[in-house]
Amino acid sequence: MNILQIGCNNCDDHVFDFIQEHRRDIHFFGVVDALPKCCAKAKEVYKNVRGFHVYNNAIGTKNERCRFYFPAGEDQSAHASMSSQHVIRHNHPELDSVEVNCIDINDFLKGIPHLDRLYIDIEGFDVPVLLHLEDFNIPYIEYEFSHGQSTFNPGFAHNLLLQKFQEHGYSVQQISEYNCAATKNQ
């Protein structure tokens, strides 16, 4: 099984649980995070997982250098984002930032094995990035929909993504307050 998690944060989540439960079946497991401390944490937590790779960059819709914002003093924050306003709207008025490479999702995926599962949680950019995605042959895609149009507003952008998933033969269901899972129909 080949798995990619974009936005791994501190690795204390349901993806960690899935990896632990299916560790014998994993051939490739990659994590991506723009914050260096999150990448260091992932290296520590997943060091014994076969095929593990960590990528310290942001994922977006184009290749560029960008600012990546996080609450002041919280360089492993789950609210870190390429949007300063997104972080502020999560009640973090004081920000720090780092400059990182942002890689187009399609270019990034060209450099890794074909995926069985994609987990994406990139604070306000999940829906735009998935709308930009060209490879709709990933059997399972889990993403945060709640900030599709803007912070705390799934809006029209998420409706467009739902249509795109349907056109590509996926069933989508809401699996938590913030997340949806798109499963490729067999």
N, C-alpha and C. Protein backbone atom coordinates (compact mmCIF):
# COMPACT_ATOMS: atom_id res chain seq x y z
N MET A 1 0.86 -1.17 0.00
CA MET A 1 0.00 0.00 0.00
C MET A 1 0.90 1.24 0.00
N ASN A 2 0.54 2.23 -0.82
CA ASN A 2 1.27 3.50 -0.92
C ASN A 2 0.38 4.62 -0.40
N ILE A 3 0.90 5.37 0.57
CA ILE A 3 0.11 6.38 1.27
C ILE A 3 0.89 7.69 1.31
N LEU A 4 0.17 8.80 1.13
CA LEU A 4 0.75 10.13 1.26
C LEU A 4 -0.13 10.96 2.18
N GLN A 5 0.50 11.63 3.13
CA GLN A 5 -0.20 12.56 4.01
C GLN A 5 0.38 13.94 3.79
N ILE A 6 -0.44 14.86 3.30
CA ILE A 6 -0.02 16.24 3.10
C ILE A 6 -0.57 17.05 4.26
N GLY A 7 0.33 17.59 5.07
CA GLY A 7 -0.05 18.28 6.29
C GLY A 7 -0.05 17.32 7.45
N CYS A 8 1.13 16.89 7.88
CA CYS A 8 1.21 15.86 8.93
C CYS A 8 1.17 16.44 10.33
N ASN A 9 1.45 17.73 10.49
CA ASN A 9 1.45 18.39 11.79
C ASN A 9 2.33 17.62 12.77
N ASN A 10 1.82 17.26 13.95
CA ASN A 10 2.65 16.59 14.95
C ASN A 10 2.48 15.07 14.95
N CYS A 11 1.81 14.54 13.93
CA CYS A 11 1.63 13.10 13.72
C CYS A 11 0.77 12.42 14.79
N ASP A 12 0.00 13.18 15.51
CA ASP A 12 -0.88 12.64 16.53
C ASP A 12 -2.31 12.70 16.01
N ASP A 13 -2.64 11.76 15.11
CA ASP A 13 -3.94 11.82 14.44
C ASP A 13 -4.38 10.44 13.98
N HIS A 14 -5.49 10.38 13.29
CA HIS A 14 -6.03 9.11 12.82
C HIS A 14 -5.16 8.47 11.74
N VAL A 15 -4.36 9.27 11.03
CA VAL A 15 -3.45 8.69 10.03
C VAL A 15 -2.39 7.87 10.75
N PHE A 16 -1.87 8.38 11.85
CA PHE A 16 -0.91 7.62 12.66
C PHE A 16 -1.52 6.27 13.04
N ASP A 17 -2.77 6.28 13.50
CA ASP A 17 -3.44 5.04 13.89
C ASP A 17 -3.55 4.08 12.70
N PHE A 18 -3.90 4.61 11.54
CA PHE A 18 -4.02 3.77 10.34
C PHE A 18 -2.67 3.16 9.97
N ILE A 19 -1.62 3.96 10.02
CA ILE A 19 -0.28 3.48 9.68
C ILE A 19 0.14 2.37 10.65
N GLN A 20 -0.11 2.55 11.92
CA GLN A 20 0.26 1.53 12.91
C GLN A 20 -0.51 0.24 12.67
N GLU A 21 -1.78 0.36 12.34
CA GLU A 21 -2.62 -0.82 12.13
C GLU A 21 -2.25 -1.58 10.85
N HIS A 22 -1.80 -0.86 9.82
CA HIS A 22 -1.52 -1.49 8.52
C HIS A 22 -0.03 -1.50 8.17
N ARG A 23 0.80 -1.35 9.13
CA ARG A 23 2.24 -1.18 8.90
C ARG A 23 2.86 -2.29 8.05
N ARG A 24 2.37 -3.52 8.15
CA ARG A 24 2.93 -4.63 7.35
C ARG A 24 2.59 -4.52 5.87
N ASP A 25 1.53 -3.80 5.55
CA ASP A 25 1.07 -3.68 4.16
C ASP A 25 1.65 -2.47 3.44
N ILE A 26 2.41 -1.65 4.13
CA ILE A 26 2.88 -0.38 3.56
C ILE A 26 4.20 -0.59 2.81
N HIS A 27 4.22 -0.09 1.58
CA HIS A 27 5.45 -0.10 0.77
C HIS A 27 6.06 1.29 0.68
N PHE A 28 5.17 2.30 0.66
CA PHE A 28 5.61 3.71 0.61
C PHE A 28 4.69 4.51 1.51
N PHE A 29 5.28 5.33 2.36
CA PHE A 29 4.51 6.27 3.17
C PHE A 29 5.27 7.59 3.18
N GLY A 30 4.66 8.61 2.60
CA GLY A 30 5.27 9.92 2.57
C GLY A 30 4.45 10.92 3.36
N VAL A 31 5.15 11.81 4.05
CA VAL A 31 4.48 12.91 4.73
C VAL A 31 5.08 14.21 4.23
N VAL A 32 4.21 15.22 4.12
CA VAL A 32 4.61 16.53 3.66
C VAL A 32 4.17 17.56 4.69
N ASP A 33 5.07 18.45 5.06
CA ASP A 33 4.69 19.58 5.91
C ASP A 33 5.65 20.72 5.65
N ALA A 34 5.13 21.94 5.70
CA ALA A 34 5.95 23.12 5.46
C ALA A 34 6.75 23.53 6.68
N LEU A 35 6.32 23.08 7.86
CA LEU A 35 7.02 23.47 9.08
C LEU A 35 8.13 22.46 9.42
N PRO A 36 9.37 22.93 9.54
CA PRO A 36 10.49 22.02 9.82
C PRO A 36 10.31 21.17 11.07
N LYS A 37 9.75 21.72 12.15
CA LYS A 37 9.57 20.93 13.37
C LYS A 37 8.56 19.80 13.17
N CYS A 38 7.57 20.00 12.32
CA CYS A 38 6.61 18.92 12.02
C CYS A 38 7.32 17.81 11.25
N CYS A 39 8.21 18.18 10.35
CA CYS A 39 8.97 17.17 9.60
C CYS A 39 9.90 16.40 10.53
N ALA A 40 10.55 17.10 11.45
CA ALA A 40 11.43 16.44 12.42
C ALA A 40 10.63 15.47 13.29
N LYS A 41 9.45 15.87 13.71
CA LYS A 41 8.59 15.00 14.50
C LYS A 41 8.19 13.75 13.71
N ALA A 42 7.84 13.94 12.44
CA ALA A 42 7.47 12.80 11.59
C ALA A 42 8.64 11.83 11.45
N LYS A 43 9.85 12.34 11.29
CA LYS A 43 11.03 11.47 11.18
C LYS A 43 11.19 10.62 12.44
N GLU A 44 10.91 11.21 13.57
CA GLU A 44 11.01 10.49 14.85
C GLU A 44 9.89 9.45 14.98
N VAL A 45 8.65 9.86 14.71
CA VAL A 45 7.48 9.00 14.92
C VAL A 45 7.44 7.83 13.94
N TYR A 46 7.81 8.07 12.69
CA TYR A 46 7.66 7.06 11.64
C TYR A 46 8.97 6.42 11.20
N LYS A 47 10.03 6.57 11.97
CA LYS A 47 11.35 6.10 11.54
C LYS A 47 11.39 4.61 11.23
N ASN A 48 10.51 3.82 11.79
CA ASN A 48 10.52 2.37 11.56
C ASN A 48 9.47 1.90 10.56
N VAL A 49 8.83 2.83 9.86
CA VAL A 49 7.84 2.46 8.86
C VAL A 49 8.56 2.24 7.52
N ARG A 50 8.32 1.09 6.93
CA ARG A 50 8.96 0.76 5.65
C ARG A 50 8.56 1.78 4.57
N GLY A 51 9.51 2.21 3.78
CA GLY A 51 9.24 3.12 2.67
C GLY A 51 8.88 4.53 3.10
N PHE A 52 9.33 4.93 4.29
CA PHE A 52 8.98 6.25 4.81
C PHE A 52 9.85 7.34 4.18
N HIS A 53 9.17 8.44 3.79
CA HIS A 53 9.85 9.63 3.25
C HIS A 53 9.18 10.86 3.83
N VAL A 54 9.98 11.90 4.09
CA VAL A 54 9.43 13.16 4.57
C VAL A 54 9.84 14.27 3.62
N TYR A 55 8.92 15.18 3.36
CA TYR A 55 9.14 16.29 2.42
C TYR A 55 8.81 17.60 3.14
N ASN A 56 9.80 18.47 3.25
CA ASN A 56 9.63 19.75 3.94
C ASN A 56 9.34 20.85 2.92
N ASN A 57 8.08 20.96 2.55
CA ASN A 57 7.63 22.01 1.63
C ASN A 57 6.11 22.12 1.74
N ALA A 58 5.57 23.14 1.09
CA ALA A 58 4.12 23.29 0.99
C ALA A 58 3.65 22.66 -0.32
N ILE A 59 2.39 22.31 -0.39
CA ILE A 59 1.77 21.80 -1.62
C ILE A 59 0.67 22.78 -2.01
N GLY A 60 0.64 23.13 -3.29
CA GLY A 60 -0.35 24.09 -3.77
C GLY A 60 -0.71 23.84 -5.21
N THR A 61 -1.04 24.92 -5.92
CA THR A 61 -1.47 24.81 -7.32
C THR A 61 -0.44 25.36 -8.29
N LYS A 62 0.70 25.82 -7.77
CA LYS A 62 1.79 26.26 -8.64
C LYS A 62 3.11 26.15 -7.89
N ASN A 63 4.19 26.17 -8.65
CA ASN A 63 5.52 26.10 -8.08
C ASN A 63 6.01 27.51 -7.80
N GLU A 64 6.30 27.79 -6.52
CA GLU A 64 6.73 29.13 -6.15
C GLU A 64 7.29 29.12 -4.74
N ARG A 65 7.97 30.18 -4.36
CA ARG A 65 8.33 30.40 -2.97
C ARG A 65 7.13 31.10 -2.33
N CYS A 66 6.81 30.74 -1.11
CA CYS A 66 5.66 31.37 -0.45
C CYS A 66 5.93 31.53 1.04
N ARG A 67 5.15 32.37 1.65
CA ARG A 67 5.16 32.54 3.10
C ARG A 67 4.20 31.52 3.69
N PHE A 68 4.61 30.90 4.77
CA PHE A 68 3.78 29.94 5.47
C PHE A 68 3.64 30.45 6.89
N TYR A 69 2.40 30.70 7.31
CA TYR A 69 2.10 31.38 8.57
C TYR A 69 1.67 30.39 9.65
N PHE A 70 2.02 30.73 10.89
CA PHE A 70 1.61 29.92 12.04
C PHE A 70 1.49 30.84 13.25
N PRO A 71 0.69 30.43 14.25
CA PRO A 71 0.55 31.26 15.45
C PRO A 71 1.92 31.51 16.09
N ALA A 72 2.13 32.72 16.56
CA ALA A 72 3.40 33.09 17.16
C ALA A 72 3.81 32.08 18.23
N GLY A 73 5.02 31.56 18.08
CA GLY A 73 5.57 30.63 19.06
C GLY A 73 5.06 29.21 18.95
N GLU A 74 4.22 28.91 17.97
CA GLU A 74 3.64 27.56 17.83
C GLU A 74 4.05 26.95 16.49
N ASP A 75 5.31 26.59 16.39
CA ASP A 75 5.83 26.11 15.10
C ASP A 75 5.51 24.65 14.81
N GLN A 76 4.50 24.11 15.50
CA GLN A 76 3.90 22.82 15.14
C GLN A 76 2.37 22.95 15.18
N SER A 77 1.87 24.13 14.91
CA SER A 77 0.43 24.39 15.02
C SER A 77 -0.37 23.68 13.94
N ALA A 78 -1.52 23.17 14.34
CA ALA A 78 -2.45 22.56 13.38
C ALA A 78 -3.14 23.62 12.53
N HIS A 79 -2.99 24.89 12.87
CA HIS A 79 -3.63 25.97 12.10
C HIS A 79 -2.66 26.67 11.17
N ALA A 80 -1.47 26.16 10.98
CA ALA A 80 -0.50 26.76 10.06
C ALA A 80 -1.06 26.72 8.64
N SER A 81 -0.79 27.78 7.88
CA SER A 81 -1.42 27.90 6.56
C SER A 81 -0.63 28.85 5.67
N MET A 82 -0.86 28.76 4.37
CA MET A 82 -0.31 29.73 3.43
C MET A 82 -1.09 31.04 3.48
N SER A 83 -2.21 31.05 4.19
CA SER A 83 -3.03 32.24 4.34
C SER A 83 -2.90 32.79 5.76
N SER A 84 -2.38 34.00 5.88
CA SER A 84 -2.29 34.62 7.21
C SER A 84 -3.69 34.82 7.80
N GLN A 85 -4.66 35.19 6.96
CA GLN A 85 -6.02 35.42 7.44
C GLN A 85 -6.66 34.15 7.99
N HIS A 86 -6.32 33.02 7.40
CA HIS A 86 -6.84 31.75 7.90
C HIS A 86 -6.38 31.51 9.34
N VAL A 87 -5.12 31.78 9.60
CA VAL A 87 -4.58 31.59 10.95
C VAL A 87 -5.22 32.58 11.92
N ILE A 88 -5.35 33.82 11.50
CA ILE A 88 -5.97 34.85 12.34
C ILE A 88 -7.42 34.48 12.66
N ARG A 89 -8.15 33.97 11.67
CA ARG A 89 -9.56 33.59 11.89
C ARG A 89 -9.71 32.39 12.83
N HIS A 90 -8.62 31.71 13.10
CA HIS A 90 -8.62 30.63 14.10
C HIS A 90 -8.19 31.18 15.46
N ASN A 91 -8.38 32.47 15.65
CA ASN A 91 -8.12 33.14 16.93
C ASN A 91 -6.64 33.18 17.31
N HIS A 92 -5.79 33.39 16.32
CA HIS A 92 -4.36 33.56 16.55
C HIS A 92 -3.95 34.89 15.93
N PRO A 93 -4.13 36.01 16.64
CA PRO A 93 -3.85 37.33 16.05
C PRO A 93 -2.37 37.63 15.82
N GLU A 94 -1.48 36.96 16.57
CA GLU A 94 -0.05 37.20 16.38
C GLU A 94 0.55 36.03 15.63
N LEU A 95 1.29 36.36 14.57
CA LEU A 95 1.79 35.32 13.66
C LEU A 95 3.31 35.35 13.55
N ASP A 96 3.85 34.19 13.27
CA ASP A 96 5.21 34.02 12.78
C ASP A 96 5.08 33.42 11.39
N SER A 97 6.18 33.41 10.64
CA SER A 97 6.12 32.79 9.32
C SER A 97 7.50 32.30 8.90
N VAL A 98 7.48 31.41 7.94
CA VAL A 98 8.71 30.94 7.30
C VAL A 98 8.48 31.01 5.80
N GLU A 99 9.55 31.15 5.06
CA GLU A 99 9.46 31.10 3.61
C GLU A 99 9.79 29.68 3.18
N VAL A 100 8.95 29.10 2.34
CA VAL A 100 9.11 27.71 1.92
C VAL A 100 8.87 27.58 0.42
N ASN A 101 9.32 26.45 -0.11
CA ASN A 101 8.98 26.11 -1.49
C ASN A 101 7.58 25.52 -1.49
N CYS A 102 6.77 25.99 -2.41
CA CYS A 102 5.45 25.42 -2.63
C CYS A 102 5.52 24.68 -3.96
N ILE A 103 5.08 23.44 -3.97
CA ILE A 103 5.14 22.61 -5.17
C ILE A 103 3.73 22.30 -5.64
N ASP A 104 3.50 22.47 -6.92
CA ASP A 104 2.22 22.11 -7.54
C ASP A 104 1.93 20.64 -7.25
N ILE A 105 0.72 20.34 -6.79
CA ILE A 105 0.33 18.98 -6.43
C ILE A 105 0.61 17.99 -7.55
N ASN A 106 0.34 18.38 -8.79
CA ASN A 106 0.54 17.46 -9.91
C ASN A 106 2.01 17.19 -10.16
N ASP A 107 2.85 18.22 -10.04
CA ASP A 107 4.29 18.02 -10.18
C ASP A 107 4.83 17.15 -9.05
N PHE A 108 4.34 17.39 -7.85
CA PHE A 108 4.80 16.60 -6.71
C PHE A 108 4.46 15.12 -6.88
N LEU A 109 3.24 14.84 -7.30
CA LEU A 109 2.81 13.44 -7.43
C LEU A 109 3.58 12.69 -8.51
N LYS A 110 4.14 13.39 -9.48
CA LYS A 110 4.93 12.72 -10.52
C LYS A 110 6.17 12.05 -9.94
N GLY A 111 6.64 12.52 -8.79
CA GLY A 111 7.87 12.00 -8.21
C GLY A 111 7.68 10.92 -7.16
N ILE A 112 6.45 10.45 -6.98
CA ILE A 112 6.22 9.40 -5.98
C ILE A 112 5.43 8.26 -6.60
N PRO A 113 5.43 7.08 -5.94
CA PRO A 113 4.68 5.94 -6.49
C PRO A 113 3.18 6.22 -6.56
N HIS A 114 2.49 5.45 -7.39
CA HIS A 114 1.03 5.56 -7.47
C HIS A 114 0.44 5.33 -6.08
N LEU A 115 -0.50 6.20 -5.70
CA LEU A 115 -1.05 6.16 -4.34
C LEU A 115 -2.30 5.29 -4.23
N ASP A 116 -2.43 4.65 -3.09
CA ASP A 116 -3.65 3.96 -2.71
C ASP A 116 -4.51 4.84 -1.81
N ARG A 117 -3.83 5.71 -1.03
CA ARG A 117 -4.53 6.60 -0.10
C ARG A 117 -3.82 7.94 -0.07
N LEU A 118 -4.63 9.01 -0.08
CA LEU A 118 -4.13 10.37 0.06
C LEU A 118 -4.90 11.04 1.19
N TYR A 119 -4.16 11.53 2.16
CA TYR A 119 -4.73 12.31 3.25
C TYR A 119 -4.21 13.73 3.09
N ILE A 120 -5.12 14.70 3.09
CA ILE A 120 -4.70 16.08 2.90
C ILE A 120 -5.44 16.98 3.89
N ASP A 121 -4.65 17.76 4.62
CA ASP A 121 -5.19 18.72 5.58
C ASP A 121 -4.24 19.91 5.57
N ILE A 122 -4.52 20.86 4.69
CA ILE A 122 -3.61 21.99 4.50
C ILE A 122 -4.30 23.33 4.72
N GLU A 123 -5.15 23.37 5.72
CA GLU A 123 -5.71 24.60 6.27
C GLU A 123 -6.11 25.65 5.24
N GLY A 124 -7.25 25.41 4.63
CA GLY A 124 -7.82 26.38 3.70
C GLY A 124 -7.46 26.14 2.25
N PHE A 125 -6.60 25.17 1.98
CA PHE A 125 -6.17 24.94 0.60
C PHE A 125 -6.49 23.53 0.09
N ASP A 126 -7.11 22.70 0.93
CA ASP A 126 -7.45 21.34 0.50
C ASP A 126 -8.31 21.35 -0.76
N VAL A 127 -9.40 22.08 -0.71
CA VAL A 127 -10.35 22.09 -1.83
C VAL A 127 -9.72 22.68 -3.09
N PRO A 128 -9.08 23.86 -3.05
CA PRO A 128 -8.45 24.38 -4.27
C PRO A 128 -7.39 23.43 -4.85
N VAL A 129 -6.60 22.81 -3.97
CA VAL A 129 -5.57 21.89 -4.46
C VAL A 129 -6.22 20.66 -5.11
N LEU A 130 -7.25 20.12 -4.48
CA LEU A 130 -7.92 18.96 -5.07
C LEU A 130 -8.66 19.32 -6.37
N LEU A 131 -9.18 20.53 -6.47
CA LEU A 131 -9.78 20.97 -7.74
C LEU A 131 -8.73 21.04 -8.85
N HIS A 132 -7.50 21.30 -8.48
CA HIS A 132 -6.38 21.41 -9.42
C HIS A 132 -5.79 20.03 -9.76
N LEU A 133 -6.10 19.01 -8.96
CA LEU A 133 -5.54 17.68 -9.12
C LEU A 133 -5.90 17.08 -10.49
N GLU A 134 -4.92 16.45 -11.12
CA GLU A 134 -5.16 15.79 -12.42
C GLU A 134 -5.34 14.28 -12.27
N ASP A 135 -4.72 13.66 -11.26
CA ASP A 135 -4.76 12.21 -11.08
C ASP A 135 -5.95 11.81 -10.22
N PHE A 136 -7.02 11.39 -10.87
CA PHE A 136 -8.18 10.93 -10.13
C PHE A 136 -8.28 9.41 -10.19
N ASN A 137 -7.13 8.76 -9.98
CA ASN A 137 -7.08 7.31 -9.90
C ASN A 137 -6.61 6.84 -8.54
N ILE A 138 -6.67 7.73 -7.55
CA ILE A 138 -6.31 7.38 -6.18
C ILE A 138 -7.57 6.82 -5.53
N PRO A 139 -7.56 5.57 -5.09
CA PRO A 139 -8.79 4.95 -4.59
C PRO A 139 -9.43 5.63 -3.38
N TYR A 140 -8.62 6.27 -2.53
CA TYR A 140 -9.17 6.88 -1.31
C TYR A 140 -8.49 8.22 -1.09
N ILE A 141 -9.30 9.27 -0.99
CA ILE A 141 -8.80 10.61 -0.72
C ILE A 141 -9.58 11.19 0.44
N GLU A 142 -8.88 11.54 1.50
CA GLU A 142 -9.51 12.15 2.66
C GLU A 142 -9.02 13.59 2.76
N TYR A 143 -9.94 14.53 2.97
CA TYR A 143 -9.58 15.94 2.96
C TYR A 143 -10.47 16.74 3.91
N GLU A 144 -9.98 17.93 4.26
CA GLU A 144 -10.75 18.84 5.10
C GLU A 144 -11.56 19.75 4.18
N PHE A 145 -12.87 19.63 4.26
CA PHE A 145 -13.75 20.39 3.38
C PHE A 145 -14.22 21.70 3.99
N SER A 146 -14.11 21.84 5.29
CA SER A 146 -14.79 22.93 6.01
C SER A 146 -14.29 24.33 5.67
N HIS A 147 -13.13 24.43 5.02
CA HIS A 147 -12.59 25.73 4.63
C HIS A 147 -12.49 25.84 3.10
N GLY A 148 -13.39 25.19 2.39
CA GLY A 148 -13.31 25.11 0.94
C GLY A 148 -13.34 26.44 0.23
N GLN A 149 -14.28 27.29 0.58
CA GLN A 149 -14.43 28.61 -0.04
C GLN A 149 -13.62 29.65 0.72
N SER A 150 -13.72 29.60 2.04
CA SER A 150 -12.97 30.48 2.93
C SER A 150 -13.00 29.83 4.32
N THR A 151 -12.34 30.43 5.27
CA THR A 151 -12.27 29.85 6.61
C THR A 151 -13.68 29.62 7.17
N PHE A 152 -13.95 28.40 7.57
CA PHE A 152 -15.23 27.94 8.13
C PHE A 152 -16.39 28.04 7.14
N ASN A 153 -16.10 28.05 5.85
CA ASN A 153 -17.15 28.14 4.83
C ASN A 153 -16.81 27.20 3.67
N PRO A 154 -17.43 26.01 3.60
CA PRO A 154 -17.17 25.10 2.48
C PRO A 154 -17.55 25.72 1.14
N GLY A 155 -18.71 26.37 1.09
CA GLY A 155 -19.16 27.15 -0.05
C GLY A 155 -19.18 26.46 -1.39
N PHE A 156 -19.23 27.30 -2.41
CA PHE A 156 -19.37 26.87 -3.79
C PHE A 156 -18.17 26.03 -4.24
N ALA A 157 -16.97 26.37 -3.75
CA ALA A 157 -15.77 25.62 -4.16
C ALA A 157 -15.91 24.15 -3.79
N HIS A 158 -16.43 23.86 -2.61
CA HIS A 158 -16.59 22.46 -2.23
C HIS A 158 -17.64 21.78 -3.10
N ASN A 159 -18.69 22.49 -3.48
CA ASN A 159 -19.68 21.92 -4.40
C ASN A 159 -19.03 21.56 -5.74
N LEU A 160 -18.15 22.42 -6.22
CA LEU A 160 -17.42 22.11 -7.47
C LEU A 160 -16.57 20.85 -7.32
N LEU A 161 -15.92 20.72 -6.16
CA LEU A 161 -15.10 19.53 -5.93
C LEU A 161 -15.97 18.28 -5.86
N LEU A 162 -17.11 18.37 -5.21
CA LEU A 162 -18.02 17.22 -5.16
C LEU A 162 -18.44 16.80 -6.56
N GLN A 163 -18.71 17.76 -7.43
CA GLN A 163 -19.06 17.46 -8.82
C GLN A 163 -17.90 16.78 -9.54
N LYS A 164 -16.69 17.29 -9.30
CA LYS A 164 -15.50 16.71 -9.95
C LYS A 164 -15.30 15.27 -9.49
N PHE A 165 -15.45 15.04 -8.19
CA PHE A 165 -15.34 13.66 -7.70
C PHE A 165 -16.38 12.77 -8.35
N GLN A 166 -17.61 13.23 -8.44
CA GLN A 166 -18.68 12.43 -9.06
C GLN A 166 -18.34 12.12 -10.52
N GLU A 167 -17.85 13.11 -11.25
CA GLU A 167 -17.47 12.91 -12.66
C GLU A 167 -16.38 11.86 -12.81
N HIS A 168 -15.53 11.72 -11.80
CA HIS A 168 -14.42 10.77 -11.85
C HIS A 168 -14.73 9.46 -11.13
N GLY A 169 -16.00 9.23 -10.80
CA GLY A 169 -16.43 7.94 -10.26
C GLY A 169 -16.17 7.74 -8.78
N TYR A 170 -16.25 8.79 -8.01
CA TYR A 170 -16.06 8.69 -6.56
C TYR A 170 -17.40 8.85 -5.84
N SER A 171 -17.47 8.21 -4.69
CA SER A 171 -18.53 8.48 -3.72
C SER A 171 -17.88 9.27 -2.59
N VAL A 172 -18.56 10.31 -2.14
CA VAL A 172 -18.00 11.16 -1.09
C VAL A 172 -18.95 11.16 0.09
N GLN A 173 -18.36 11.00 1.27
CA GLN A 173 -19.18 11.10 2.47
C GLN A 173 -18.43 11.90 3.53
N GLN A 174 -19.19 12.64 4.29
CA GLN A 174 -18.63 13.39 5.40
C GLN A 174 -18.34 12.40 6.52
N ILE A 175 -17.10 12.39 7.02
CA ILE A 175 -16.71 11.42 8.04
C ILE A 175 -16.46 12.05 9.40
N SER A 176 -16.43 13.38 9.45
CA SER A 176 -16.30 14.09 10.72
C SER A 176 -16.83 15.51 10.52
N GLU A 177 -16.75 16.28 11.54
CA GLU A 177 -17.24 17.66 11.45
C GLU A 177 -16.54 18.45 10.36
N TYR A 178 -15.27 18.13 10.10
CA TYR A 178 -14.47 18.91 9.16
C TYR A 178 -14.01 18.15 7.92
N ASN A 179 -14.09 16.82 7.95
CA ASN A 179 -13.47 16.01 6.90
C ASN A 179 -14.47 15.20 6.08
N CYS A 180 -14.07 14.99 4.83
CA CYS A 180 -14.79 14.10 3.92
C CYS A 180 -13.82 13.04 3.39
N ALA A 181 -14.39 11.91 2.99
CA ALA A 181 -13.61 10.86 2.34
C ALA A 181 -14.23 10.60 0.98
N ALA A 182 -13.39 10.62 -0.04
CA ALA A 182 -13.81 10.30 -1.40
C ALA A 182 -13.25 8.93 -1.74
N THR A 183 -14.15 8.00 -2.07
CA THR A 183 -13.75 6.63 -2.37
C THR A 183 -14.11 6.32 -3.81
N LYS A 184 -13.12 5.83 -4.57
CA LYS A 184 -13.32 5.50 -5.97
C LYS A 184 -14.25 4.30 -6.06
N ASN A 185 -15.32 4.44 -6.84
CA ASN A 185 -16.27 3.34 -7.03
C ASN A 185 -15.60 2.25 -7.86
N GLN A 186 -15.83 1.01 -7.49
CA GLN A 186 -15.21 -0.14 -8.18
C GLN A 186 -16.01 -0.53 -9.39
